[in-house]
């Protein structure tokens, strides 16, 4: 019998308690964020939701990340660009716990050490990741995909007894409206367009109320209209969530980004507005061309 693969972000083994916070984390850093409250339980007193310092990752002697430093502010929409092999995917792997750095510090908020947490703990703490290729339950309806994605007890017995509360139904309705799939809520996900599947997977993350969203080439393969809506969607999410978007479409980047980070050979080559990085001779040489 053919089975539908389970999206990686839906896997929830038995709960593992978070490790003890480090009280001294982040006290020496400058405030760079927007100063908003990131969410219940997450300490962001310096306005920074993600801190990566001197992060290095090596694979058989090749340095995929090389003393990388990156700071994402609370509520910020940051775009990450760079040539193939610059370290963009490895960067997201480190943040989500899929890859352990050989050196450096990675903090979520001021107290959660990502290098000491499992992938499940990191997801439960409030970091959601969307991969380039959408992964949804194609045999289930749009509504059922969102229902299944909620932060609930996923044990067999709990699932059999589960009933949606009014609050949960309202949240799903809100997300359906946000991703513009209300009229398709009873449609099998397998019948959606490529872009609609992308929106559904974003919705499956949103029902989990993540504080930081990692989005890998979200507009790849989309129509112009879908790309335009994605830009509107991301701009509406910024402030309520922090977003880190890895993208090659410079037109899309220019539409959404206030701040751009350029990676090259595993390190930050340049940072600033899109206009600033586009005018940087080093960026032109290694990525944009003339």
C-alpha atoms as a PDB file:
ATOM      1  CA  UNK A   1       0.000   0.000   0.000  1.00  0.00           C
ATOM      2  CA  UNK A   2       1.305   3.392  -0.958  1.00  0.00           C
ATOM      3  CA  UNK A   3       1.889   5.730   1.960  1.00  0.00           C
ATOM      4  CA  UNK A   4       2.311   9.483   2.101  1.00  0.00           C
ATOM      5  CA  UNK A   5       5.685  10.561   3.529  1.00  0.00           C
ATOM      6  CA  UNK A   6       5.558  12.514   6.755  1.00  0.00           C
ATOM      7  CA  UNK A   7       6.993  16.062   6.463  1.00  0.00           C
ATOM      8  CA  UNK A   8      10.139  16.387   8.541  1.00  0.00           C
ATOM      9  CA  UNK A   9       8.767  19.261  10.614  1.00  0.00           C
ATOM     10  CA  UNK A  10       5.775  17.121  11.668  1.00  0.00           C
ATOM     11  CA  UNK A  11       7.813  14.410  13.359  1.00  0.00           C
ATOM     12  CA  UNK A  12       7.372  14.688  17.140  1.00  0.00           C
ATOM     13  CA  UNK A  13       9.115  12.035  19.230  1.00  0.00           C
ATOM     14  CA  UNK A  14       8.573  11.996  22.948  1.00  0.00           C
ATOM     15  CA  UNK A  15       9.112  15.402  24.490  1.00  0.00           C
ATOM     16  CA  UNK A  16      12.614  16.179  25.666  1.00  0.00           C
ATOM     17  CA  UNK A  17      12.955  18.957  28.273  1.00  0.00           C
ATOM     18  CA  UNK A  18      15.003  21.956  27.262  1.00  0.00           C
ATOM     19  CA  UNK A  19      18.463  22.212  28.674  1.00  0.00           C
ATOM     20  CA  UNK A  20      19.200  24.647  31.466  1.00  0.00           C
ATOM     21  CA  UNK A  21      19.550  28.222  30.174  1.00  0.00           C
ATOM     22  CA  UNK A  22      22.869  30.006  30.313  1.00  0.00           C
ATOM     23  CA  UNK A  23      22.299  33.133  32.375  1.00  0.00           C
ATOM     24  CA  UNK A  24      25.308  34.900  30.868  1.00  0.00           C
ATOM     25  CA  UNK A  25      24.288  34.411  27.229  1.00  0.00           C
ATOM     26  CA  UNK A  26      24.185  37.512  25.106  1.00  0.00           C
ATOM     27  CA  UNK A  27      25.101  40.073  27.746  1.00  0.00           C
ATOM     28  CA  UNK A  28      27.978  41.487  25.681  1.00  0.00           C
ATOM     29  CA  UNK A  29      26.133  41.974  22.412  1.00  0.00           C
ATOM     30  CA  UNK A  30      24.764  45.200  21.022  1.00  0.00           C
ATOM     31  CA  UNK A  31      21.023  45.547  20.518  1.00  0.00           C
ATOM     32  CA  UNK A  32      20.240  45.288  16.813  1.00  0.00           C
ATOM     33  CA  UNK A  33      16.594  44.233  16.708  1.00  0.00           C
ATOM     34  CA  UNK A  34      13.268  45.978  16.831  1.00  0.00           C
ATOM     35  CA  UNK A  35      12.848  45.610  20.583  1.00  0.00           C
ATOM     36  CA  UNK A  36       9.564  43.716  20.412  1.00  0.00           C
ATOM     37  CA  UNK A  37       8.514  40.840  22.622  1.00  0.00           C
ATOM     38  CA  UNK A  38       9.194  37.681  20.635  1.00  0.00           C
ATOM     39  CA  UNK A  39       6.781  35.466  22.507  1.00  0.00           C
ATOM     40  CA  UNK A  40       6.020  33.796  25.785  1.00  0.00           C
ATOM     41  CA  UNK A  41       9.034  32.260  27.462  1.00  0.00           C
ATOM     42  CA  UNK A  42      11.694  33.519  25.037  1.00  0.00           C
ATOM     43  CA  UNK A  43      14.126  36.064  26.448  1.00  0.00           C
ATOM     44  CA  UNK A  44      14.903  38.706  23.810  1.00  0.00           C
ATOM     45  CA  UNK A  45      15.831  41.608  26.052  1.00  0.00           C
ATOM     46  CA  UNK A  46      18.427  42.858  23.560  1.00  0.00           C
ATOM     47  CA  UNK A  47      15.967  42.748  20.653  1.00  0.00           C
ATOM     48  CA  UNK A  48      17.847  39.884  19.003  1.00  0.00           C
ATOM     49  CA  UNK A  49      16.085  36.593  18.307  1.00  0.00           C
ATOM     50  CA  UNK A  50      18.980  34.719  16.644  1.00  0.00           C
ATOM     51  CA  UNK A  51      22.693  35.047  17.361  1.00  0.00           C
ATOM     52  CA  UNK A  52      25.393  33.125  15.509  1.00  0.00           C
ATOM     53  CA  UNK A  53      28.999  33.874  16.445  1.00  0.00           C
ATOM     54  CA  UNK A  54      32.155  32.310  14.958  1.00  0.00           C
ATOM     55  CA  UNK A  55      30.181  29.378  13.534  1.00  0.00           C
ATOM     56  CA  UNK A  56      32.274  26.872  11.594  1.00  0.00           C
ATOM     57  CA  UNK A  57      31.192  23.619   9.962  1.00  0.00           C
ATOM     58  CA  UNK A  58      33.593  21.254   8.196  1.00  0.00           C
ATOM     59  CA  UNK A  59      32.832  18.274   5.961  1.00  0.00           C
ATOM     60  CA  UNK A  60      35.884  16.098   5.270  1.00  0.00           C
ATOM     61  CA  UNK A  61      38.177  19.111   5.525  1.00  0.00           C
ATOM     62  CA  UNK A  62      35.927  21.434   3.501  1.00  0.00           C
ATOM     63  CA  UNK A  63      34.666  24.418   5.504  1.00  0.00           C
ATOM     64  CA  UNK A  64      30.999  24.870   4.612  1.00  0.00           C
ATOM     65  CA  UNK A  65      30.789  27.659   7.217  1.00  0.00           C
ATOM     66  CA  UNK A  66      33.867  29.611   8.251  1.00  0.00           C
ATOM     67  CA  UNK A  67      33.704  31.749  11.415  1.00  0.00           C
ATOM     68  CA  UNK A  68      30.291  33.060  10.404  1.00  0.00           C
ATOM     69  CA  UNK A  69      28.615  35.815  12.441  1.00  0.00           C
ATOM     70  CA  UNK A  70      24.931  36.616  11.987  1.00  0.00           C
ATOM     71  CA  UNK A  71      22.347  38.460  14.082  1.00  0.00           C
ATOM     72  CA  UNK A  72      18.598  38.512  13.337  1.00  0.00           C
ATOM     73  CA  UNK A  73      16.419  41.064  15.123  1.00  0.00           C
ATOM     74  CA  UNK A  74      13.006  40.370  16.625  1.00  0.00           C
ATOM     75  CA  UNK A  75      10.326  40.884  13.962  1.00  0.00           C
ATOM     76  CA  UNK A  76      12.932  41.343  11.218  1.00  0.00           C
ATOM     77  CA  UNK A  77      12.628  40.086   7.648  1.00  0.00           C
ATOM     78  CA  UNK A  78      16.172  39.179   6.589  1.00  0.00           C
ATOM     79  CA  UNK A  79      17.144  37.914   3.142  1.00  0.00           C
ATOM     80  CA  UNK A  80      20.189  35.676   2.691  1.00  0.00           C
ATOM     81  CA  UNK A  81      21.739  35.595  -0.778  1.00  0.00           C
ATOM     82  CA  UNK A  82      24.933  34.234  -2.276  1.00  0.00           C
ATOM     83  CA  UNK A  83      26.307  31.904  -4.955  1.00  0.00           C
ATOM     84  CA  UNK A  84      25.796  28.155  -4.892  1.00  0.00           C
ATOM     85  CA  UNK A  85      28.041  26.589  -2.261  1.00  0.00           C
ATOM     86  CA  UNK A  86      28.158  29.746  -0.161  1.00  0.00           C
ATOM     87  CA  UNK A  87      26.812  27.905   2.903  1.00  0.00           C
ATOM     88  CA  UNK A  88      23.157  28.970   2.895  1.00  0.00           C
ATOM     89  CA  UNK A  89      21.671  25.502   3.408  1.00  0.00           C
ATOM     90  CA  UNK A  90      24.297  24.566   5.999  1.00  0.00           C
ATOM     91  CA  UNK A  91      23.435  27.769   7.846  1.00  0.00           C
ATOM     92  CA  UNK A  92      19.790  26.706   8.142  1.00  0.00           C
ATOM     93  CA  UNK A  93      20.876  23.181   9.095  1.00  0.00           C
ATOM     94  CA  UNK A  94      22.866  24.609  12.023  1.00  0.00           C
ATOM     95  CA  UNK A  95      19.966  26.778  13.200  1.00  0.00           C
ATOM     96  CA  UNK A  96      17.532  23.836  13.172  1.00  0.00           C
ATOM     97  CA  UNK A  97      19.934  21.357  14.786  1.00  0.00           C
ATOM     98  CA  UNK A  98      20.347  19.133  11.742  1.00  0.00           C
ATOM     99  CA  UNK A  99      24.075  19.920  11.624  1.00  0.00           C
ATOM    100  CA  UNK A 100      26.301  20.573  14.640  1.00  0.00           C
ATOM    101  CA  UNK A 101      28.951  23.259  14.251  1.00  0.00           C
ATOM    102  CA  UNK A 102      32.531  22.294  14.993  1.00  0.00           C
ATOM    103  CA  UNK A 103      33.070  25.713  16.549  1.00  0.00           C
ATOM    104  CA  UNK A 104      31.049  28.743  17.587  1.00  0.00           C
ATOM    105  CA  UNK A 105      27.914  29.794  19.444  1.00  0.00           C
ATOM    106  CA  UNK A 106      24.269  29.726  18.328  1.00  0.00           C
ATOM    107  CA  UNK A 107      21.619  31.289  20.537  1.00  0.00           C
ATOM    108  CA  UNK A 108      17.842  31.515  20.122  1.00  0.00           C
ATOM    109  CA  UNK A 109      16.875  34.518  22.175  1.00  0.00           C
ATOM    110  CA  UNK A 110      19.281  35.192  25.005  1.00  0.00           C
ATOM    111  CA  UNK A 111      19.274  31.846  26.779  1.00  0.00           C
ATOM    112  CA  UNK A 112      18.624  28.879  24.459  1.00  0.00           C
ATOM    113  CA  UNK A 113      21.828  27.278  23.178  1.00  0.00           C
ATOM    114  CA  UNK A 114      20.882  25.721  19.833  1.00  0.00           C
ATOM    115  CA  UNK A 115      24.094  23.685  19.728  1.00  0.00           C
ATOM    116  CA  UNK A 116      22.928  21.729  22.779  1.00  0.00           C
ATOM    117  CA  UNK A 117      19.333  21.121  21.640  1.00  0.00           C
ATOM    118  CA  UNK A 118      17.795  18.404  19.472  1.00  0.00           C
ATOM    119  CA  UNK A 119      15.872  19.178  16.274  1.00  0.00           C
ATOM    120  CA  UNK A 120      12.619  18.467  18.125  1.00  0.00           C
ATOM    121  CA  UNK A 121      13.505  20.777  21.007  1.00  0.00           C
ATOM    122  CA  UNK A 122      14.404  23.545  18.568  1.00  0.00           C
ATOM    123  CA  UNK A 123      11.093  23.180  16.719  1.00  0.00           C
ATOM    124  CA  UNK A 124       9.190  23.185  20.020  1.00  0.00           C
ATOM    125  CA  UNK A 125      11.074  26.303  21.110  1.00  0.00           C
ATOM    126  CA  UNK A 126       9.658  28.227  18.153  1.00  0.00           C
ATOM    127  CA  UNK A 127      11.814  27.809  15.029  1.00  0.00           C
ATOM    128  CA  UNK A 128      10.017  26.585  11.910  1.00  0.00           C
ATOM    129  CA  UNK A 129      11.654  25.657   8.618  1.00  0.00           C
ATOM    130  CA  UNK A 130      10.212  25.400   5.138  1.00  0.00           C
ATOM    131  CA  UNK A 131      12.275  23.568   2.533  1.00  0.00           C
ATOM    132  CA  UNK A 132      12.351  24.530  -1.144  1.00  0.00           C
ATOM    133  CA  UNK A 133      10.161  21.627  -2.286  1.00  0.00           C
ATOM    134  CA  UNK A 134       6.725  21.697  -0.640  1.00  0.00           C
ATOM    135  CA  UNK A 135       5.891  18.641   1.467  1.00  0.00           C
ATOM    136  CA  UNK A 136       2.220  18.258   2.308  1.00  0.00           C
ATOM    137  CA  UNK A 137      -0.140  15.339   2.864  1.00  0.00           C
ATOM    138  CA  UNK A 138      -1.563  15.178  -0.664  1.00  0.00           C
ATOM    139  CA  UNK A 139      -4.379  12.730   0.125  1.00  0.00           C
ATOM    140  CA  UNK A 140      -5.704  14.956   2.915  1.00  0.00           C
ATOM    141  CA  UNK A 141      -7.674  18.151   2.512  1.00  0.00           C
ATOM    142  CA  UNK A 142      -6.141  21.569   3.040  1.00  0.00           C
ATOM    143  CA  UNK A 143      -8.017  21.861   6.351  1.00  0.00           C
ATOM    144  CA  UNK A 144      -6.845  18.421   7.497  1.00  0.00           C
ATOM    145  CA  UNK A 145      -3.227  19.337   6.722  1.00  0.00           C
ATOM    146  CA  UNK A 146      -3.511  22.411   8.937  1.00  0.00           C
ATOM    147  CA  UNK A 147      -5.319  20.441  11.646  1.00  0.00           C
ATOM    148  CA  UNK A 148      -2.583  17.818  11.668  1.00  0.00           C
ATOM    149  CA  UNK A 149       0.182  20.439  11.827  1.00  0.00           C
ATOM    150  CA  UNK A 150      -1.000  21.987  15.086  1.00  0.00           C
ATOM    151  CA  UNK A 151       1.074  21.815  18.247  1.00  0.00           C
ATOM    152  CA  UNK A 152      -0.745  18.988  19.953  1.00  0.00           C
ATOM    153  CA  UNK A 153       0.008  15.615  21.500  1.00  0.00           C
ATOM    154  CA  UNK A 154       0.735  13.347  18.511  1.00  0.00           C
ATOM    155  CA  UNK A 155       0.510  10.043  20.391  1.00  0.00           C
ATOM    156  CA  UNK A 156      -1.893   7.472  18.918  1.00  0.00           C
ATOM    157  CA  UNK A 157      -4.352   7.560  21.831  1.00  0.00           C
ATOM    158  CA  UNK A 158      -4.401  11.347  21.991  1.00  0.00           C
ATOM    159  CA  UNK A 159      -4.901  11.574  18.218  1.00  0.00           C
ATOM    160  CA  UNK A 160      -7.866   9.177  18.327  1.00  0.00           C
ATOM    161  CA  UNK A 161      -9.549  11.251  21.038  1.00  0.00           C
ATOM    162  CA  UNK A 162      -8.622  14.658  19.636  1.00  0.00           C
ATOM    163  CA  UNK A 163     -11.350  17.182  18.936  1.00  0.00           C
ATOM    164  CA  UNK A 164     -10.741  20.694  17.716  1.00  0.00           C
ATOM    165  CA  UNK A 165     -11.499  23.393  20.235  1.00  0.00           C
ATOM    166  CA  UNK A 166     -13.173  26.605  19.188  1.00  0.00           C
ATOM    167  CA  UNK A 167      -9.865  28.421  19.574  1.00  0.00           C
ATOM    168  CA  UNK A 168      -8.101  25.902  17.326  1.00  0.00           C
ATOM    169  CA  UNK A 169     -10.801  26.179  14.683  1.00  0.00           C
ATOM    170  CA  UNK A 170     -10.544  29.960  14.775  1.00  0.00           C
ATOM    171  CA  UNK A 171      -6.762  29.755  14.392  1.00  0.00           C
ATOM    172  CA  UNK A 172      -7.034  27.464  11.362  1.00  0.00           C
ATOM    173  CA  UNK A 173      -9.649  29.776   9.833  1.00  0.00           C
ATOM    174  CA  UNK A 174      -7.307  32.723  10.395  1.00  0.00           C
ATOM    175  CA  UNK A 175      -4.393  30.915   8.737  1.00  0.00           C
ATOM    176  CA  UNK A 176      -6.585  29.834   5.801  1.00  0.00           C
ATOM    177  CA  UNK A 177      -7.486  33.470   5.240  1.00  0.00           C
ATOM    178  CA  UNK A 178      -3.831  34.537   5.553  1.00  0.00           C
ATOM    179  CA  UNK A 179      -2.652  32.057   2.899  1.00  0.00           C
ATOM    180  CA  UNK A 180      -5.762  32.623   0.727  1.00  0.00           C
ATOM    181  CA  UNK A 181      -6.916  29.022   0.739  1.00  0.00           C
ATOM    182  CA  UNK A 182     -10.274  29.398   2.512  1.00  0.00           C
ATOM    183  CA  UNK A 183     -12.252  28.467  -0.604  1.00  0.00           C
ATOM    184  CA  UNK A 184      -9.999  25.413  -1.089  1.00  0.00           C
ATOM    185  CA  UNK A 185     -10.135  24.215   2.514  1.00  0.00           C
ATOM    186  CA  UNK A 186     -11.911  20.938   1.625  1.00  0.00           C
ATOM    187  CA  UNK A 187      -9.875  20.301  -1.512  1.00  0.00           C
ATOM    188  CA  UNK A 188      -7.264  17.499  -1.468  1.00  0.00           C
ATOM    189  CA  UNK A 189      -3.825  19.066  -1.150  1.00  0.00           C
ATOM    190  CA  UNK A 190      -2.589  16.984  -4.073  1.00  0.00           C
ATOM    191  CA  UNK A 191      -4.864  18.948  -6.408  1.00  0.00           C
ATOM    192  CA  UNK A 192      -3.402  22.323  -5.471  1.00  0.00           C
ATOM    193  CA  UNK A 193      -1.048  24.212  -7.768  1.00  0.00           C
ATOM    194  CA  UNK A 194       2.659  24.289  -6.922  1.00  0.00           C
ATOM    195  CA  UNK A 195       2.318  27.778  -5.475  1.00  0.00           C
ATOM    196  CA  UNK A 196      -0.741  26.834  -3.409  1.00  0.00           C
ATOM    197  CA  UNK A 197       1.154  23.881  -1.962  1.00  0.00           C
ATOM    198  CA  UNK A 198       3.903  26.319  -0.965  1.00  0.00           C
ATOM    199  CA  UNK A 199       1.304  28.519   0.748  1.00  0.00           C
ATOM    200  CA  UNK A 200      -0.225  25.494   2.501  1.00  0.00           C
ATOM    201  CA  UNK A 201       3.146  24.423   3.892  1.00  0.00           C
ATOM    202  CA  UNK A 202       3.730  27.971   5.148  1.00  0.00           C
ATOM    203  CA  UNK A 203       0.302  27.752   6.782  1.00  0.00           C
ATOM    204  CA  UNK A 204       1.266  24.437   8.389  1.00  0.00           C
ATOM    205  CA  UNK A 205       4.142  26.270  10.027  1.00  0.00           C
ATOM    206  CA  UNK A 206       2.017  29.263  11.031  1.00  0.00           C
ATOM    207  CA  UNK A 207      -0.511  27.166  12.982  1.00  0.00           C
ATOM    208  CA  UNK A 208       2.423  26.153  15.203  1.00  0.00           C
ATOM    209  CA  UNK A 209       3.011  29.853  16.036  1.00  0.00           C
ATOM    210  CA  UNK A 210       6.767  29.874  15.354  1.00  0.00           C
ATOM    211  CA  UNK A 211       8.752  32.920  16.395  1.00  0.00           C
ATOM    212  CA  UNK A 212      11.406  32.450  13.708  1.00  0.00           C
ATOM    213  CA  UNK A 213      10.610  31.197  10.195  1.00  0.00           C
ATOM    214  CA  UNK A 214      13.353  29.870   7.902  1.00  0.00           C
ATOM    215  CA  UNK A 215      12.227  29.853   4.264  1.00  0.00           C
ATOM    216  CA  UNK A 216      14.326  28.268   1.511  1.00  0.00           C
ATOM    217  CA  UNK A 217      13.744  29.697  -1.999  1.00  0.00           C
ATOM    218  CA  UNK A 218       9.993  30.083  -1.366  1.00  0.00           C
ATOM    219  CA  UNK A 219       9.092  31.512  -4.812  1.00  0.00           C
ATOM    220  CA  UNK A 220      10.970  28.965  -6.942  1.00  0.00           C
ATOM    221  CA  UNK A 221       8.590  27.709  -9.655  1.00  0.00           C
ATOM    222  CA  UNK A 222       5.835  30.195  -8.823  1.00  0.00           C
ATOM    223  CA  UNK A 223       3.858  32.286 -11.290  1.00  0.00           C
ATOM    224  CA  UNK A 224       4.263  36.070 -11.240  1.00  0.00           C
ATOM    225  CA  UNK A 225       0.945  36.441  -9.409  1.00  0.00           C
ATOM    226  CA  UNK A 226       1.928  33.854  -6.797  1.00  0.00           C
ATOM    227  CA  UNK A 227       5.308  35.527  -6.316  1.00  0.00           C
ATOM    228  CA  UNK A 228       3.601  38.881  -5.811  1.00  0.00           C
ATOM    229  CA  UNK A 229       1.265  37.397  -3.200  1.00  0.00           C
ATOM    230  CA  UNK A 230       4.198  35.718  -1.419  1.00  0.00           C
ATOM    231  CA  UNK A 231       5.884  39.108  -1.104  1.00  0.00           C
ATOM    232  CA  UNK A 232       2.704  40.568   0.413  1.00  0.00           C
ATOM    233  CA  UNK A 233       2.391  37.581   2.742  1.00  0.00           C
ATOM    234  CA  UNK A 234       5.954  37.817   4.051  1.00  0.00           C
ATOM    235  CA  UNK A 235       5.696  41.556   4.628  1.00  0.00           C
ATOM    236  CA  UNK A 236       2.472  41.004   6.589  1.00  0.00           C
ATOM    237  CA  UNK A 237       4.149  38.313   8.732  1.00  0.00           C
ATOM    238  CA  UNK A 238       7.217  40.426   9.555  1.00  0.00           C
ATOM    239  CA  UNK A 239       6.855  42.036  12.968  1.00  0.00           C
ATOM    240  CA  UNK A 240       4.579  39.255  14.189  1.00  0.00           C
ATOM    241  CA  UNK A 241       7.324  36.750  13.374  1.00  0.00           C
ATOM    242  CA  UNK A 242      10.995  36.964  12.470  1.00  0.00           C
ATOM    243  CA  UNK A 243      11.751  35.676   8.967  1.00  0.00           C
ATOM    244  CA  UNK A 244      14.989  34.518   7.349  1.00  0.00           C
ATOM    245  CA  UNK A 245      14.521  34.041   3.614  1.00  0.00           C
ATOM    246  CA  UNK A 246      17.116  32.349   1.395  1.00  0.00           C
ATOM    247  CA  UNK A 247      16.442  33.394  -2.198  1.00  0.00           C
ATOM    248  CA  UNK A 248      18.086  33.787  -5.622  1.00  0.00           C
ATOM    249  CA  UNK A 249      15.328  35.886  -7.217  1.00  0.00           C
ATOM    250  CA  UNK A 250      16.756  39.376  -6.801  1.00  0.00           C
ATOM    251  CA  UNK A 251      13.520  41.001  -7.922  1.00  0.00           C
ATOM    252  CA  UNK A 252      11.690  39.244  -5.101  1.00  0.00           C
ATOM    253  CA  UNK A 253      14.443  40.110  -2.628  1.00  0.00           C
ATOM    254  CA  UNK A 254      14.190  43.756  -3.620  1.00  0.00           C
ATOM    255  CA  UNK A 255      10.436  43.669  -2.977  1.00  0.00           C
ATOM    256  CA  UNK A 256      10.573  42.307   0.575  1.00  0.00           C
ATOM    257  CA  UNK A 257      13.966  42.967   2.174  1.00  0.00           C
ATOM    258  CA  UNK A 258      15.027  45.855   4.369  1.00  0.00           C
ATOM    259  CA  UNK A 259      18.281  44.091   5.205  1.00  0.00           C
ATOM    260  CA  UNK A 260      20.297  41.641   3.090  1.00  0.00           C
ATOM    261  CA  UNK A 261      23.174  39.365   4.063  1.00  0.00           C
ATOM    262  CA  UNK A 262      25.494  38.032   1.359  1.00  0.00           C
ATOM    263  CA  UNK A 263      27.322  34.765   2.035  1.00  0.00           C
ATOM    264  CA  UNK A 264      30.480  33.654   0.234  1.00  0.00           C
ATOM    265  CA  UNK A 265      32.659  30.652   1.042  1.00  0.00           C
ATOM    266  CA  UNK A 266      30.891  30.106   4.340  1.00  0.00           C
ATOM    267  CA  UNK A 267      31.287  33.640   5.711  1.00  0.00           C
ATOM    268  CA  UNK A 268      29.370  36.908   5.605  1.00  0.00           C
ATOM    269  CA  UNK A 269      30.745  38.902   2.686  1.00  0.00           C
ATOM    270  CA  UNK A 270      28.493  41.951   2.993  1.00  0.00           C
ATOM    271  CA  UNK A 271      25.401  43.224   4.775  1.00  0.00           C
ATOM    272  CA  UNK A 272      23.081  46.177   4.345  1.00  0.00           C
ATOM    273  CA  UNK A 273      20.200  47.305   2.159  1.00  0.00           C
ATOM    274  CA  UNK A 274      19.849  45.644  -1.237  1.00  0.00           C
ATOM    275  CA  UNK A 275      21.128  48.812  -2.887  1.00  0.00           C
ATOM    276  CA  UNK A 276      24.209  48.796  -0.678  1.00  0.00           C
ATOM    277  CA  UNK A 277      25.135  45.171  -1.322  1.00  0.00           C
ATOM    278  CA  UNK A 278      24.434  45.501  -5.044  1.00  0.00           C
ATOM    279  CA  UNK A 279      26.933  48.350  -5.171  1.00  0.00           C
ATOM    280  CA  UNK A 280      29.601  46.426  -3.242  1.00  0.00           C
ATOM    281  CA  UNK A 281      32.463  45.511  -5.605  1.00  0.00           C
ATOM    282  CA  UNK A 282      33.101  42.238  -3.798  1.00  0.00           C
ATOM    283  CA  UNK A 283      29.450  41.164  -4.202  1.00  0.00           C
ATOM    284  CA  UNK A 284      29.484  42.126  -7.860  1.00  0.00           C
ATOM    285  CA  UNK A 285      32.617  40.068  -8.429  1.00  0.00           C
ATOM    286  CA  UNK A 286      31.553  36.851  -6.696  1.00  0.00           C
ATOM    287  CA  UNK A 287      27.785  36.832  -7.199  1.00  0.00           C
ATOM    288  CA  UNK A 288      25.998  39.483  -9.202  1.00  0.00           C
ATOM    289  CA  UNK A 289      28.391  39.982 -12.109  1.00  0.00           C
ATOM    290  CA  UNK A 290      28.450  43.083 -14.277  1.00  0.00           C
END
